[in-house]
C-alpha atoms as a PDB file:
ATOM      1  CA  UNK A   1      -0.059   0.005  -0.001  1.00  0.00           C
ATOM      2  CA  UNK A   2       1.383   3.403  -0.964  1.00  0.00           C
ATOM      3  CA  UNK A   3       1.479   6.521   1.171  1.00  0.00           C
ATOM      4  CA  UNK A   4      -1.379   8.155  -0.703  1.00  0.00           C
ATOM      5  CA  UNK A   5      -3.677   5.288   0.286  1.00  0.00           C
ATOM      6  CA  UNK A   6      -2.470   5.278   3.848  1.00  0.00           C
ATOM      7  CA  UNK A   7      -3.239   9.011   3.974  1.00  0.00           C
ATOM      8  CA  UNK A   8      -6.750   8.532   2.640  1.00  0.00           C
ATOM      9  CA  UNK A   9      -7.401   5.745   5.067  1.00  0.00           C
ATOM     10  CA  UNK A  10      -6.176   8.044   7.891  1.00  0.00           C
ATOM     11  CA  UNK A  11      -8.566  10.764   6.838  1.00  0.00           C
ATOM     12  CA  UNK A  12     -11.507   8.429   6.668  1.00  0.00           C
ATOM     13  CA  UNK A  13     -10.722   6.979  10.175  1.00  0.00           C
ATOM     14  CA  UNK A  14     -10.445  10.501  11.449  1.00  0.00           C
ATOM     15  CA  UNK A  15     -13.844  11.396   9.832  1.00  0.00           C
ATOM     16  CA  UNK A  16     -15.635   8.350  11.395  1.00  0.00           C
ATOM     17  CA  UNK A  17     -14.033   9.056  14.772  1.00  0.00           C
ATOM     18  CA  UNK A  18     -15.182  12.697  14.571  1.00  0.00           C
ATOM     19  CA  UNK A  19     -18.741  11.579  13.778  1.00  0.00           C
ATOM     20  CA  UNK A  20     -18.815   9.609  17.035  1.00  0.00           C
ATOM     21  CA  UNK A  21     -17.207  12.193  19.289  1.00  0.00           C
ATOM     22  CA  UNK A  22     -18.377  15.672  20.230  1.00  0.00           C
ATOM     23  CA  UNK A  23     -15.761  18.205  19.284  1.00  0.00           C
ATOM     24  CA  UNK A  24     -15.453  21.296  21.365  1.00  0.00           C
ATOM     25  CA  UNK A  25     -13.638  24.275  19.895  1.00  0.00           C
ATOM     26  CA  UNK A  26     -12.116  26.542  22.380  1.00  0.00           C
ATOM     27  CA  UNK A  27     -11.921  29.814  20.468  1.00  0.00           C
ATOM     28  CA  UNK A  28     -11.120  32.854  22.486  1.00  0.00           C
ATOM     29  CA  UNK A  29     -13.427  35.837  21.944  1.00  0.00           C
ATOM     30  CA  UNK A  30     -12.075  38.457  19.474  1.00  0.00           C
ATOM     31  CA  UNK A  31     -10.709  41.788  20.504  1.00  0.00           C
ATOM     32  CA  UNK A  32     -13.656  44.307  20.339  1.00  0.00           C
ATOM     33  CA  UNK A  33     -13.308  46.590  17.340  1.00  0.00           C
ATOM     34  CA  UNK A  34     -15.532  48.967  15.310  1.00  0.00           C
ATOM     35  CA  UNK A  35     -16.572  47.894  11.850  1.00  0.00           C
ATOM     36  CA  UNK A  36     -16.803  50.572   9.120  1.00  0.00           C
ATOM     37  CA  UNK A  37     -18.535  50.464   5.751  1.00  0.00           C
ATOM     38  CA  UNK A  38     -18.265  53.934   4.242  1.00  0.00           C
ATOM     39  CA  UNK A  39     -18.165  55.453   0.739  1.00  0.00           C
ATOM     40  CA  UNK A  40     -18.216  58.704  -1.077  1.00  0.00           C
ATOM     41  CA  UNK A  41     -18.854  59.270  -4.741  1.00  0.00           C
ATOM     42  CA  UNK A  42     -18.364  62.147  -7.011  1.00  0.00           C
ATOM     43  CA  UNK A  43     -21.211  64.805  -6.721  1.00  0.00           C
ATOM     44  CA  UNK A  44     -22.657  62.904  -3.749  1.00  0.00           C
ATOM     45  CA  UNK A  45     -22.251  63.121   0.085  1.00  0.00           C
ATOM     46  CA  UNK A  46     -20.464  60.504   2.264  1.00  0.00           C
ATOM     47  CA  UNK A  47     -22.322  57.674   3.780  1.00  0.00           C
ATOM     48  CA  UNK A  48     -21.064  55.525   6.742  1.00  0.00           C
ATOM     49  CA  UNK A  49     -22.498  52.467   8.493  1.00  0.00           C
ATOM     50  CA  UNK A  50     -20.964  51.455  11.853  1.00  0.00           C
ATOM     51  CA  UNK A  51     -21.183  48.308  13.971  1.00  0.00           C
ATOM     52  CA  UNK A  52     -19.131  46.211  16.478  1.00  0.00           C
ATOM     53  CA  UNK A  53     -17.588  42.952  15.589  1.00  0.00           C
ATOM     54  CA  UNK A  54     -18.808  39.729  17.210  1.00  0.00           C
ATOM     55  CA  UNK A  55     -17.402  36.236  17.756  1.00  0.00           C
ATOM     56  CA  UNK A  56     -18.117  33.905  14.838  1.00  0.00           C
ATOM     57  CA  UNK A  57     -19.955  31.362  16.964  1.00  0.00           C
ATOM     58  CA  UNK A  58     -21.705  33.855  19.229  1.00  0.00           C
ATOM     59  CA  UNK A  59     -25.410  33.541  19.927  1.00  0.00           C
ATOM     60  CA  UNK A  60     -27.563  36.116  18.191  1.00  0.00           C
ATOM     61  CA  UNK A  61     -30.238  37.575  20.483  1.00  0.00           C
ATOM     62  CA  UNK A  62     -31.606  40.993  21.248  1.00  0.00           C
ATOM     63  CA  UNK A  63     -28.733  41.860  23.656  1.00  0.00           C
ATOM     64  CA  UNK A  64     -26.156  40.868  21.000  1.00  0.00           C
ATOM     65  CA  UNK A  65     -27.888  43.123  18.378  1.00  0.00           C
ATOM     66  CA  UNK A  66     -28.112  45.929  20.753  1.00  0.00           C
ATOM     67  CA  UNK A  67     -24.394  45.743  21.431  1.00  0.00           C
ATOM     68  CA  UNK A  68     -23.582  45.649  17.659  1.00  0.00           C
ATOM     69  CA  UNK A  69     -25.511  48.857  16.843  1.00  0.00           C
ATOM     70  CA  UNK A  70     -23.651  52.237  16.991  1.00  0.00           C
ATOM     71  CA  UNK A  71     -26.023  55.227  16.772  1.00  0.00           C
ATOM     72  CA  UNK A  72     -24.102  57.809  18.789  1.00  0.00           C
ATOM     73  CA  UNK A  73     -20.735  58.121  17.118  1.00  0.00           C
ATOM     74  CA  UNK A  74     -19.015  61.289  15.896  1.00  0.00           C
ATOM     75  CA  UNK A  75     -18.314  60.867  12.209  1.00  0.00           C
ATOM     76  CA  UNK A  76     -16.208  63.442  10.359  1.00  0.00           C
ATOM     77  CA  UNK A  77     -15.164  63.713   6.685  1.00  0.00           C
ATOM     78  CA  UNK A  78     -12.471  66.016   5.512  1.00  0.00           C
ATOM     79  CA  UNK A  79     -11.604  66.872   1.908  1.00  0.00           C
ATOM     80  CA  UNK A  80      -7.835  66.926   2.159  1.00  0.00           C
ATOM     81  CA  UNK A  81      -7.079  69.269  -0.787  1.00  0.00           C
ATOM     82  CA  UNK A  82      -9.320  72.048   0.555  1.00  0.00           C
ATOM     83  CA  UNK A  83      -9.361  71.140   4.344  1.00  0.00           C
ATOM     84  CA  UNK A  84     -13.165  71.423   4.321  1.00  0.00           C
ATOM     85  CA  UNK A  85     -14.705  69.182   6.900  1.00  0.00           C
ATOM     86  CA  UNK A  86     -18.246  68.014   7.641  1.00  0.00           C
ATOM     87  CA  UNK A  87     -19.776  66.094  10.507  1.00  0.00           C
ATOM     88  CA  UNK A  88     -22.196  63.400   9.314  1.00  0.00           C
ATOM     89  CA  UNK A  89     -25.675  63.139  10.799  1.00  0.00           C
ATOM     90  CA  UNK A  90     -27.214  59.751  11.840  1.00  0.00           C
ATOM     91  CA  UNK A  91     -30.573  58.648  10.496  1.00  0.00           C
ATOM     92  CA  UNK A  92     -32.671  55.457  10.503  1.00  0.00           C
ATOM     93  CA  UNK A  93     -32.850  53.523   7.259  1.00  0.00           C
ATOM     94  CA  UNK A  94     -34.263  49.969   7.357  1.00  0.00           C
ATOM     95  CA  UNK A  95     -32.879  49.269   3.971  1.00  0.00           C
ATOM     96  CA  UNK A  96     -29.582  48.646   5.711  1.00  0.00           C
ATOM     97  CA  UNK A  97     -28.336  46.690   8.670  1.00  0.00           C
ATOM     98  CA  UNK A  98     -27.674  47.969  11.119  1.00  0.00           C
ATOM     99  CA  UNK A  99     -30.438  50.446  10.313  1.00  0.00           C
ATOM    100  CA  UNK A 100     -28.509  53.485  11.361  1.00  0.00           C
ATOM    101  CA  UNK A 101     -26.524  55.288   8.668  1.00  0.00           C
ATOM    102  CA  UNK A 102     -24.414  58.406   8.923  1.00  0.00           C
ATOM    103  CA  UNK A 103     -24.838  60.772   6.039  1.00  0.00           C
ATOM    104  CA  UNK A 104     -23.347  64.065   4.883  1.00  0.00           C
ATOM    105  CA  UNK A 105     -25.166  66.942   3.185  1.00  0.00           C
ATOM    106  CA  UNK A 106     -22.882  69.721   1.956  1.00  0.00           C
ATOM    107  CA  UNK A 107     -19.475  68.094   1.343  1.00  0.00           C
ATOM    108  CA  UNK A 108     -19.765  66.380  -2.077  1.00  0.00           C
ATOM    109  CA  UNK A 109     -17.230  64.065  -3.572  1.00  0.00           C
ATOM    110  CA  UNK A 110     -14.952  65.343  -6.307  1.00  0.00           C
ATOM    111  CA  UNK A 111     -12.810  63.584  -9.020  1.00  0.00           C
ATOM    112  CA  UNK A 112      -9.043  63.406  -8.222  1.00  0.00           C
ATOM    113  CA  UNK A 113      -9.689  64.415  -4.529  1.00  0.00           C
ATOM    114  CA  UNK A 114      -8.888  62.564  -1.337  1.00  0.00           C
ATOM    115  CA  UNK A 115     -11.044  62.210   1.803  1.00  0.00           C
ATOM    116  CA  UNK A 116     -10.149  61.518   5.375  1.00  0.00           C
ATOM    117  CA  UNK A 117     -12.653  59.719   7.604  1.00  0.00           C
ATOM    118  CA  UNK A 118     -12.524  60.047  11.370  1.00  0.00           C
ATOM    119  CA  UNK A 119     -14.910  57.958  13.642  1.00  0.00           C
ATOM    120  CA  UNK A 120     -15.025  58.428  17.446  1.00  0.00           C
ATOM    121  CA  UNK A 121     -16.975  55.915  19.561  1.00  0.00           C
ATOM    122  CA  UNK A 122     -16.400  56.027  23.218  1.00  0.00           C
ATOM    123  CA  UNK A 123     -12.738  55.319  23.687  1.00  0.00           C
ATOM    124  CA  UNK A 124     -12.139  54.308  20.111  1.00  0.00           C
ATOM    125  CA  UNK A 125     -10.869  56.596  17.316  1.00  0.00           C
ATOM    126  CA  UNK A 126     -10.643  55.289  13.788  1.00  0.00           C
ATOM    127  CA  UNK A 127      -9.192  56.950  10.684  1.00  0.00           C
ATOM    128  CA  UNK A 128      -8.986  56.138   6.989  1.00  0.00           C
ATOM    129  CA  UNK A 129      -8.069  57.963   3.761  1.00  0.00           C
ATOM    130  CA  UNK A 130      -9.497  57.198   0.271  1.00  0.00           C
ATOM    131  CA  UNK A 131      -9.499  58.931  -3.053  1.00  0.00           C
ATOM    132  CA  UNK A 132     -11.894  59.375  -6.009  1.00  0.00           C
ATOM    133  CA  UNK A 133     -10.043  58.584  -9.233  1.00  0.00           C
ATOM    134  CA  UNK A 134     -10.768  59.457 -12.820  1.00  0.00           C
ATOM    135  CA  UNK A 135     -13.974  58.125 -14.509  1.00  0.00           C
ATOM    136  CA  UNK A 136     -13.701  55.458 -17.163  1.00  0.00           C
ATOM    137  CA  UNK A 137     -16.853  55.584 -19.220  1.00  0.00           C
ATOM    138  CA  UNK A 138     -18.455  52.526 -20.703  1.00  0.00           C
ATOM    139  CA  UNK A 139     -18.615  52.608 -24.582  1.00  0.00           C
ATOM    140  CA  UNK A 140     -21.622  50.267 -24.600  1.00  0.00           C
ATOM    141  CA  UNK A 141     -23.900  48.372 -22.196  1.00  0.00           C
ATOM    142  CA  UNK A 142     -26.313  45.719 -23.318  1.00  0.00           C
ATOM    143  CA  UNK A 143     -28.303  42.620 -22.316  1.00  0.00           C
ATOM    144  CA  UNK A 144     -27.639  39.262 -23.954  1.00  0.00           C
ATOM    145  CA  UNK A 145     -29.993  36.324 -23.500  1.00  0.00           C
ATOM    146  CA  UNK A 146     -28.478  32.985 -22.740  1.00  0.00           C
ATOM    147  CA  UNK A 147     -28.735  30.566 -25.815  1.00  0.00           C
ATOM    148  CA  UNK A 148     -30.170  27.841 -23.617  1.00  0.00           C
ATOM    149  CA  UNK A 149     -32.430  29.984 -21.379  1.00  0.00           C
ATOM    150  CA  UNK A 150     -34.845  31.912 -23.466  1.00  0.00           C
ATOM    151  CA  UNK A 151     -35.842  34.669 -21.007  1.00  0.00           C
ATOM    152  CA  UNK A 152     -32.669  34.799 -18.933  1.00  0.00           C
ATOM    153  CA  UNK A 153     -29.321  36.451 -19.631  1.00  0.00           C
ATOM    154  CA  UNK A 154     -26.361  38.607 -18.570  1.00  0.00           C
ATOM    155  CA  UNK A 155     -25.475  42.240 -18.831  1.00  0.00           C
ATOM    156  CA  UNK A 156     -22.382  43.192 -20.843  1.00  0.00           C
ATOM    157  CA  UNK A 157     -20.120  46.106 -20.907  1.00  0.00           C
ATOM    158  CA  UNK A 158     -17.722  47.269 -23.618  1.00  0.00           C
ATOM    159  CA  UNK A 159     -15.062  49.870 -22.871  1.00  0.00           C
ATOM    160  CA  UNK A 160     -11.450  50.874 -23.577  1.00  0.00           C
ATOM    161  CA  UNK A 161      -9.136  50.624 -20.560  1.00  0.00           C
ATOM    162  CA  UNK A 162      -6.848  53.673 -20.097  1.00  0.00           C
ATOM    163  CA  UNK A 163      -3.226  53.128 -21.166  1.00  0.00           C
ATOM    164  CA  UNK A 164      -1.688  53.449 -17.685  1.00  0.00           C
ATOM    165  CA  UNK A 165      -1.733  50.280 -15.536  1.00  0.00           C
ATOM    166  CA  UNK A 166      -3.640  50.315 -12.243  1.00  0.00           C
ATOM    167  CA  UNK A 167      -7.318  50.868 -12.957  1.00  0.00           C
ATOM    168  CA  UNK A 168      -9.776  49.309 -10.573  1.00  0.00           C
ATOM    169  CA  UNK A 169     -13.436  48.626 -11.368  1.00  0.00           C
ATOM    170  CA  UNK A 170     -16.593  47.629  -9.502  1.00  0.00           C
ATOM    171  CA  UNK A 171     -19.794  46.877 -11.215  1.00  0.00           C
ATOM    172  CA  UNK A 172     -23.377  47.296  -9.851  1.00  0.00           C
ATOM    173  CA  UNK A 173     -26.910  46.729 -11.226  1.00  0.00           C
ATOM    174  CA  UNK A 174     -30.368  47.720 -10.062  1.00  0.00           C
ATOM    175  CA  UNK A 175     -33.555  46.326 -11.505  1.00  0.00           C
ATOM    176  CA  UNK A 176     -36.533  48.673 -11.721  1.00  0.00           C
ATOM    177  CA  UNK A 177     -39.264  47.712  -9.133  1.00  0.00           C
ATOM    178  CA  UNK A 178     -37.220  44.795  -7.839  1.00  0.00           C
ATOM    179  CA  UNK A 179     -34.057  46.129  -6.199  1.00  0.00           C
ATOM    180  CA  UNK A 180     -34.001  48.967  -3.674  1.00  0.00           C
ATOM    181  CA  UNK A 181     -30.332  49.744  -4.259  1.00  0.00           C
ATOM    182  CA  UNK A 182     -27.485  49.090  -6.647  1.00  0.00           C
ATOM    183  CA  UNK A 183     -26.368  45.604  -5.982  1.00  0.00           C
ATOM    184  CA  UNK A 184     -22.818  44.399  -6.834  1.00  0.00           C
ATOM    185  CA  UNK A 185     -22.941  41.866  -9.617  1.00  0.00           C
ATOM    186  CA  UNK A 186     -21.263  38.472  -8.981  1.00  0.00           C
ATOM    187  CA  UNK A 187     -17.423  38.913  -9.168  1.00  0.00           C
ATOM    188  CA  UNK A 188     -18.045  42.689  -9.169  1.00  0.00           C
ATOM    189  CA  UNK A 189     -14.415  43.804  -8.709  1.00  0.00           C
ATOM    190  CA  UNK A 190     -11.574  43.510 -11.192  1.00  0.00           C
ATOM    191  CA  UNK A 191      -8.411  45.319 -12.288  1.00  0.00           C
ATOM    192  CA  UNK A 192      -6.680  45.833 -15.617  1.00  0.00           C
ATOM    193  CA  UNK A 193      -3.617  43.617 -15.033  1.00  0.00           C
ATOM    194  CA  UNK A 194      -4.641  41.350 -17.943  1.00  0.00           C
ATOM    195  CA  UNK A 195      -6.082  43.928 -20.378  1.00  0.00           C
ATOM    196  CA  UNK A 196      -4.296  47.201 -19.639  1.00  0.00           C
ATOM    197  CA  UNK A 197      -4.973  49.733 -22.451  1.00  0.00           C
ATOM    198  CA  UNK A 198      -7.099  47.273 -24.514  1.00  0.00           C
ATOM    199  CA  UNK A 199     -10.688  47.216 -25.778  1.00  0.00           C
ATOM    200  CA  UNK A 200     -12.554  45.030 -23.397  1.00  0.00           C
ATOM    201  CA  UNK A 201     -16.059  43.246 -23.322  1.00  0.00           C
ATOM    202  CA  UNK A 202     -17.201  41.729 -20.050  1.00  0.00           C
ATOM    203  CA  UNK A 203     -20.431  39.900 -19.108  1.00  0.00           C
ATOM    204  CA  UNK A 204     -21.814  39.761 -15.561  1.00  0.00           C
ATOM    205  CA  UNK A 205     -24.234  37.506 -13.634  1.00  0.00           C
ATOM    206  CA  UNK A 206     -26.673  39.210 -11.285  1.00  0.00           C
ATOM    207  CA  UNK A 207     -25.515  39.649  -7.674  1.00  0.00           C
ATOM    208  CA  UNK A 208     -27.458  39.241  -4.466  1.00  0.00           C
ATOM    209  CA  UNK A 209     -28.308  42.022  -2.085  1.00  0.00           C
ATOM    210  CA  UNK A 210     -26.562  41.062   1.169  1.00  0.00           C
ATOM    211  CA  UNK A 211     -29.056  43.291   3.088  1.00  0.00           C
ATOM    212  CA  UNK A 212     -31.942  41.109   1.914  1.00  0.00           C
ATOM    213  CA  UNK A 213     -32.309  37.597   3.379  1.00  0.00           C
ATOM    214  CA  UNK A 214     -34.253  36.214   0.468  1.00  0.00           C
ATOM    215  CA  UNK A 215     -34.531  36.676  -3.251  1.00  0.00           C
ATOM    216  CA  UNK A 216     -37.669  36.526  -5.245  1.00  0.00           C
ATOM    217  CA  UNK A 217     -36.126  34.069  -7.683  1.00  0.00           C
ATOM    218  CA  UNK A 218     -35.104  30.580  -6.649  1.00  0.00           C
ATOM    219  CA  UNK A 219     -32.474  28.181  -8.066  1.00  0.00           C
ATOM    220  CA  UNK A 220     -30.244  29.186 -10.874  1.00  0.00           C
ATOM    221  CA  UNK A 221     -32.576  31.975 -12.006  1.00  0.00           C
ATOM    222  CA  UNK A 222     -31.384  34.148  -9.230  1.00  0.00           C
ATOM    223  CA  UNK A 223     -28.028  34.474 -11.047  1.00  0.00           C
ATOM    224  CA  UNK A 224     -29.576  35.967 -14.218  1.00  0.00           C
ATOM    225  CA  UNK A 225     -31.382  39.054 -15.440  1.00  0.00           C
ATOM    226  CA  UNK A 226     -34.804  38.439 -17.099  1.00  0.00           C
ATOM    227  CA  UNK A 227     -36.238  39.708 -20.410  1.00  0.00           C
ATOM    228  CA  UNK A 228     -38.456  42.566 -19.598  1.00  0.00           C
ATOM    229  CA  UNK A 229     -36.278  43.928 -16.781  1.00  0.00           C
ATOM    230  CA  UNK A 230     -35.290  47.623 -16.835  1.00  0.00           C
ATOM    231  CA  UNK A 231     -31.730  47.590 -15.486  1.00  0.00           C
ATOM    232  CA  UNK A 232     -29.813  50.569 -14.217  1.00  0.00           C
ATOM    233  CA  UNK A 233     -26.031  49.920 -14.293  1.00  0.00           C
ATOM    234  CA  UNK A 234     -23.342  51.563 -12.259  1.00  0.00           C
ATOM    235  CA  UNK A 235     -19.564  51.044 -13.046  1.00  0.00           C
ATOM    236  CA  UNK A 236     -17.355  52.724 -10.403  1.00  0.00           C
ATOM    237  CA  UNK A 237     -13.643  53.256 -10.417  1.00  0.00           C
ATOM    238  CA  UNK A 238     -11.727  53.173  -7.056  1.00  0.00           C
ATOM    239  CA  UNK A 239      -8.292  53.296  -5.664  1.00  0.00           C
ATOM    240  CA  UNK A 240      -6.220  50.205  -4.920  1.00  0.00           C
ATOM    241  CA  UNK A 241      -6.799  49.841  -1.139  1.00  0.00           C
ATOM    242  CA  UNK A 242     -10.516  50.210  -1.759  1.00  0.00           C
ATOM    243  CA  UNK A 243     -10.321  47.526  -4.408  1.00  0.00           C
ATOM    244  CA  UNK A 244      -8.179  45.265  -2.227  1.00  0.00           C
ATOM    245  CA  UNK A 245     -10.896  45.221   0.413  1.00  0.00           C
ATOM    246  CA  UNK A 246     -13.708  44.252  -1.897  1.00  0.00           C
ATOM    247  CA  UNK A 247     -11.629  41.646  -3.625  1.00  0.00           C
ATOM    248  CA  UNK A 248     -10.683  40.019  -0.369  1.00  0.00           C
ATOM    249  CA  UNK A 249     -14.330  40.288   0.722  1.00  0.00           C
ATOM    250  CA  UNK A 250     -15.602  38.434  -2.462  1.00  0.00           C
ATOM    251  CA  UNK A 251     -12.844  35.861  -2.124  1.00  0.00           C
ATOM    252  CA  UNK A 252     -14.073  35.111   1.464  1.00  0.00           C
ATOM    253  CA  UNK A 253     -17.669  34.904   0.286  1.00  0.00           C
ATOM    254  CA  UNK A 254     -16.969  32.535  -2.572  1.00  0.00           C
ATOM    255  CA  UNK A 255     -14.672  30.316  -0.455  1.00  0.00           C
ATOM    256  CA  UNK A 256     -17.233  30.157   2.344  1.00  0.00           C
ATOM    257  CA  UNK A 257     -18.482  26.697   1.392  1.00  0.00           C
ATOM    258  CA  UNK A 258     -15.124  25.269   0.661  1.00  0.00           C
ATOM    259  CA  UNK A 259     -13.751  23.309   3.651  1.00  0.00           C
ATOM    260  CA  UNK A 260     -10.238  23.225   2.092  1.00  0.00           C
ATOM    261  CA  UNK A 261      -9.953  26.988   1.491  1.00  0.00           C
ATOM    262  CA  UNK A 262      -7.366  28.856   3.498  1.00  0.00           C
ATOM    263  CA  UNK A 263      -8.598  31.500   5.963  1.00  0.00           C
ATOM    264  CA  UNK A 264      -8.909  34.903   4.341  1.00  0.00           C
ATOM    265  CA  UNK A 265      -8.043  38.191   6.071  1.00  0.00           C
ATOM    266  CA  UNK A 266      -9.978  41.127   4.753  1.00  0.00           C
ATOM    267  CA  UNK A 267      -7.664  43.893   3.501  1.00  0.00           C
ATOM    268  CA  UNK A 268      -9.129  46.723   5.599  1.00  0.00           C
ATOM    269  CA  UNK A 269      -7.919  50.280   5.129  1.00  0.00           C
ATOM    270  CA  UNK A 270      -9.267  51.412   8.496  1.00  0.00           C
ATOM    271  CA  UNK A 271      -6.676  52.445  11.004  1.00  0.00           C
ATOM    272  CA  UNK A 272      -7.713  51.288  14.428  1.00  0.00           C
ATOM    273  CA  UNK A 273     -10.689  49.274  13.280  1.00  0.00           C
ATOM    274  CA  UNK A 274     -12.095  46.906  10.611  1.00  0.00           C
ATOM    275  CA  UNK A 275     -13.950  47.469   7.286  1.00  0.00           C
ATOM    276  CA  UNK A 276     -13.474  49.949   4.498  1.00  0.00           C
ATOM    277  CA  UNK A 277     -13.781  53.612   3.618  1.00  0.00           C
ATOM    278  CA  UNK A 278     -13.786  54.014  -0.180  1.00  0.00           C
ATOM    279  CA  UNK A 279     -14.219  56.537  -2.901  1.00  0.00           C
ATOM    280  CA  UNK A 280     -16.092  55.877  -6.180  1.00  0.00           C
ATOM    281  CA  UNK A 281     -15.907  57.545  -9.574  1.00  0.00           C
ATOM    282  CA  UNK A 282     -19.116  56.165 -11.100  1.00  0.00           C
ATOM    283  CA  UNK A 283     -20.880  56.176 -14.502  1.00  0.00           C
ATOM    284  CA  UNK A 284     -24.465  55.166 -14.992  1.00  0.00           C
ATOM    285  CA  UNK A 285     -26.528  53.767 -17.824  1.00  0.00           C
ATOM    286  CA  UNK A 286     -29.911  52.193 -18.421  1.00  0.00           C
ATOM    287  CA  UNK A 287     -30.864  49.221 -20.484  1.00  0.00           C
ATOM    288  CA  UNK A 288     -34.054  47.276 -21.190  1.00  0.00           C
ATOM    289  CA  UNK A 289     -33.587  43.427 -21.339  1.00  0.00           C
ATOM    290  CA  UNK A 290     -34.984  42.374 -24.650  1.00  0.00           C
ATOM    291  CA  UNK A 291     -34.923  39.075 -26.483  1.00  0.00           C
ATOM    292  CA  UNK A 292     -32.653  38.720 -29.526  1.00  0.00           C
END
């Protein structure tokens, strides 16, 4: 018997043994940290969602949820080039979770400008810096039905990547009367390392709104757009640290069901906390999904 077969038998024996024995994992609780999800887009004010982290196996009850919510923070955004600063105001929005979101009013994002975020919660102070890069416009946006699925298909984008290396993209879509926000498509983030300066066409499956526990479509249909949908698209450019966070986030999501995947650490750009503060340079378009 070779070593490969011995190893397989060892794994099978270990599996059967594990099935017969209760396994207790003694995982220490994580250090308490503030989690940030914040963004600013050109011509729009900043928005920030705050929460506290929790242990992976912690019980979810009313006291846990109450501890996670942060509704009394001081949240400041400063435009570095002009030194103009604004304090964001908290409001309730049940389209998000936690349902408290901090929003600006007067300080709007600008192309090629940088923004510093400061969050103060009790004894914690968090900072982060992001930038809004140049816009890369889409030359064409269209819906293409799947050859095997009459009424279902993908959205496609055609564009020319700028000549300089280091452009970072994130793609969103919103269906009229179906989605309450722009939802990242599946595999929403990508860079130009393989197509720098080239003419590009990309097709995308529909994503899932992580703030909604259920989707109106079941099975494989939930990955597609449907003939008859009016689809608003949003393609956003971002800086590298912003891109690194969402890429690591998507890698963690897609590896979630793989028992052999290595643990993934999210590439946060928050100093003193977790999460992301990111700038977007976005372009918008509208298409109606029609059969060929």
